[in-house]
Protein backbone atom coordinates (compact mmCIF):
# COMPACT_ATOMS: atom_id res chain seq x y z
CA MET A 1 -29.47 14.47 -10.83
CA ASN A 2 -29.34 10.94 -12.27
CA ALA A 3 -27.24 8.29 -10.59
CA LEU A 4 -24.36 6.93 -12.66
CA THR A 5 -25.00 3.34 -13.78
CA LEU A 6 -21.76 1.45 -14.32
CA PRO A 7 -21.36 -1.98 -15.97
CA GLU A 8 -21.19 -4.70 -13.30
CA PRO A 9 -17.41 -5.42 -13.40
CA ILE A 10 -16.66 -1.68 -13.19
CA ALA A 11 -19.18 -1.11 -10.39
CA ALA A 12 -17.63 -4.05 -8.51
CA TYR A 13 -14.15 -2.54 -8.99
CA PHE A 14 -15.15 0.78 -7.41
CA ALA A 15 -17.15 -0.96 -4.65
CA ALA A 16 -14.08 -3.04 -3.71
CA GLU A 17 -11.90 -0.07 -2.72
CA HIS A 18 -9.50 -0.95 0.10
CA ARG A 19 -10.33 -4.67 -0.20
CA PRO A 20 -7.62 -6.19 -2.44
CA GLU A 21 -9.15 -9.67 -2.30
CA ALA A 22 -12.44 -8.28 -3.65
CA LEU A 23 -10.57 -6.28 -6.30
CA ALA A 24 -8.82 -9.45 -7.46
CA ARG A 25 -12.19 -11.00 -8.33
CA CYS A 26 -12.87 -8.13 -10.77
CA PHE A 27 -10.00 -9.01 -13.14
CA THR A 28 -9.25 -11.75 -15.68
CA SER A 29 -6.30 -13.98 -14.78
CA GLN A 30 -3.99 -12.22 -17.29
CA ALA A 31 -5.34 -8.68 -16.83
CA VAL A 32 -3.04 -5.68 -17.23
CA LEU A 33 -3.14 -2.61 -14.96
CA LYS A 34 -1.31 0.61 -15.79
CA ASP A 35 -1.23 3.22 -13.03
CA ASP A 36 1.20 5.78 -11.65
CA GLY A 37 4.03 4.71 -13.99
CA HIS A 38 3.64 1.02 -13.13
CA THR A 39 2.41 -1.85 -15.28
CA CYS A 40 1.16 -4.98 -13.51
CA THR A 41 0.17 -8.17 -15.30
CA GLY A 42 -1.90 -10.91 -13.69
CA VAL A 43 -4.22 -10.94 -10.72
CA ASP A 44 -1.50 -11.50 -8.09
CA ALA A 45 0.61 -8.55 -9.28
CA ILE A 46 -2.45 -6.30 -9.58
CA THR A 47 -3.68 -7.30 -6.12
CA ALA A 48 -0.27 -6.62 -4.53
CA PHE A 49 0.03 -3.23 -6.25
CA MET A 50 -3.50 -2.18 -5.27
CA ALA A 51 -3.00 -3.31 -1.65
CA GLU A 52 0.19 -1.25 -1.38
CA ALA A 53 -1.42 1.82 -2.99
CA SER A 54 -4.48 1.51 -0.75
CA ALA A 55 -2.36 1.39 2.42
CA LYS A 56 -0.13 4.25 1.27
CA TYR A 57 -2.68 6.72 -0.12
CA ARG A 58 -5.98 5.70 1.52
CA ALA A 59 -7.70 7.08 -1.57
CA THR A 60 -11.42 7.00 -2.24
CA SER A 61 -12.97 7.34 -5.69
CA ALA A 62 -16.28 8.91 -6.64
CA PRO A 63 -17.19 8.10 -10.28
CA PHE A 64 -19.12 10.87 -12.03
CA ALA A 65 -19.03 10.12 -15.79
CA LEU A 66 -18.95 7.14 -18.17
CA GLU A 67 -18.06 7.12 -21.87
CA ASN A 68 -18.02 4.18 -24.28
CA ASP A 69 -15.47 4.40 -27.09
CA ASP A 70 -14.50 1.61 -29.48
CA GLY A 71 -14.81 -1.23 -26.96
CA LEU A 72 -13.31 0.73 -24.08
CA GLN A 73 -15.26 2.22 -21.22
CA THR A 74 -13.81 5.29 -19.57
CA VAL A 75 -14.95 6.35 -16.13
CA ARG A 76 -14.06 9.78 -14.76
CA ALA A 77 -13.82 9.85 -10.97
CA THR A 78 -12.82 12.31 -8.29
CA VAL A 79 -10.11 10.71 -6.16
CA THR A 80 -9.36 11.98 -2.66
CA GLY A 81 -6.60 10.67 -0.41
CA ASP A 82 -3.22 11.18 1.22
CA PHE A 83 -1.29 12.33 -1.84
CA PRO A 84 -0.15 15.69 -3.26
CA GLY A 85 -2.83 17.43 -5.32
CA SER A 86 -5.75 15.67 -3.64
CA PRO A 87 -8.51 15.72 -4.70
CA ILE A 88 -7.95 15.05 -8.41
CA ASP A 89 -10.13 13.86 -11.28
CA LEU A 90 -8.75 10.71 -12.92
CA SER A 91 -9.73 8.66 -15.96
CA TYR A 92 -10.12 4.88 -15.61
CA ARG A 93 -10.04 3.24 -19.05
CA PHE A 94 -11.47 -0.29 -18.84
CA ARG A 95 -11.52 -3.09 -21.40
CA LEU A 96 -13.95 -5.79 -20.37
CA GLU A 97 -13.81 -9.43 -21.36
CA ARG A 98 -16.29 -12.17 -20.38
CA GLY A 99 -17.73 -10.09 -17.56
CA LEU A 100 -14.34 -9.20 -16.02
CA ILE A 101 -11.75 -6.44 -16.40
CA ALA A 102 -9.10 -7.44 -18.97
CA SER A 103 -7.22 -4.16 -18.81
CA LEU A 104 -7.33 -0.94 -16.84
CA GLU A 105 -5.32 2.22 -17.42
CA ILE A 106 -5.59 5.03 -14.86
CA THR A 107 -4.49 8.52 -15.96
CA ALA A 108 -4.87 12.12 -14.92
């Protein structure tokens, strides 16, 4: 089985799980995150949201697929944690800009 090769900003995002300060370095200053019915704009808001979610759900992600579509890169990952329905496969739709994440939408 071949290992999944992710673009650097996306690989850094998944490697930074449970480390909000490392996650913050993955995003542009005006990045937008949409997840679990919330929309966060800017690194500080994204960092705070991710820190809270990490503490609450203690989720881990295991990426298994990558698709490129019209400037967006979608990663499918199995997410396991302290939440109903765990584990679940989620889609992470990234838009990259200048080597950083400009937007990220996480959906089921």
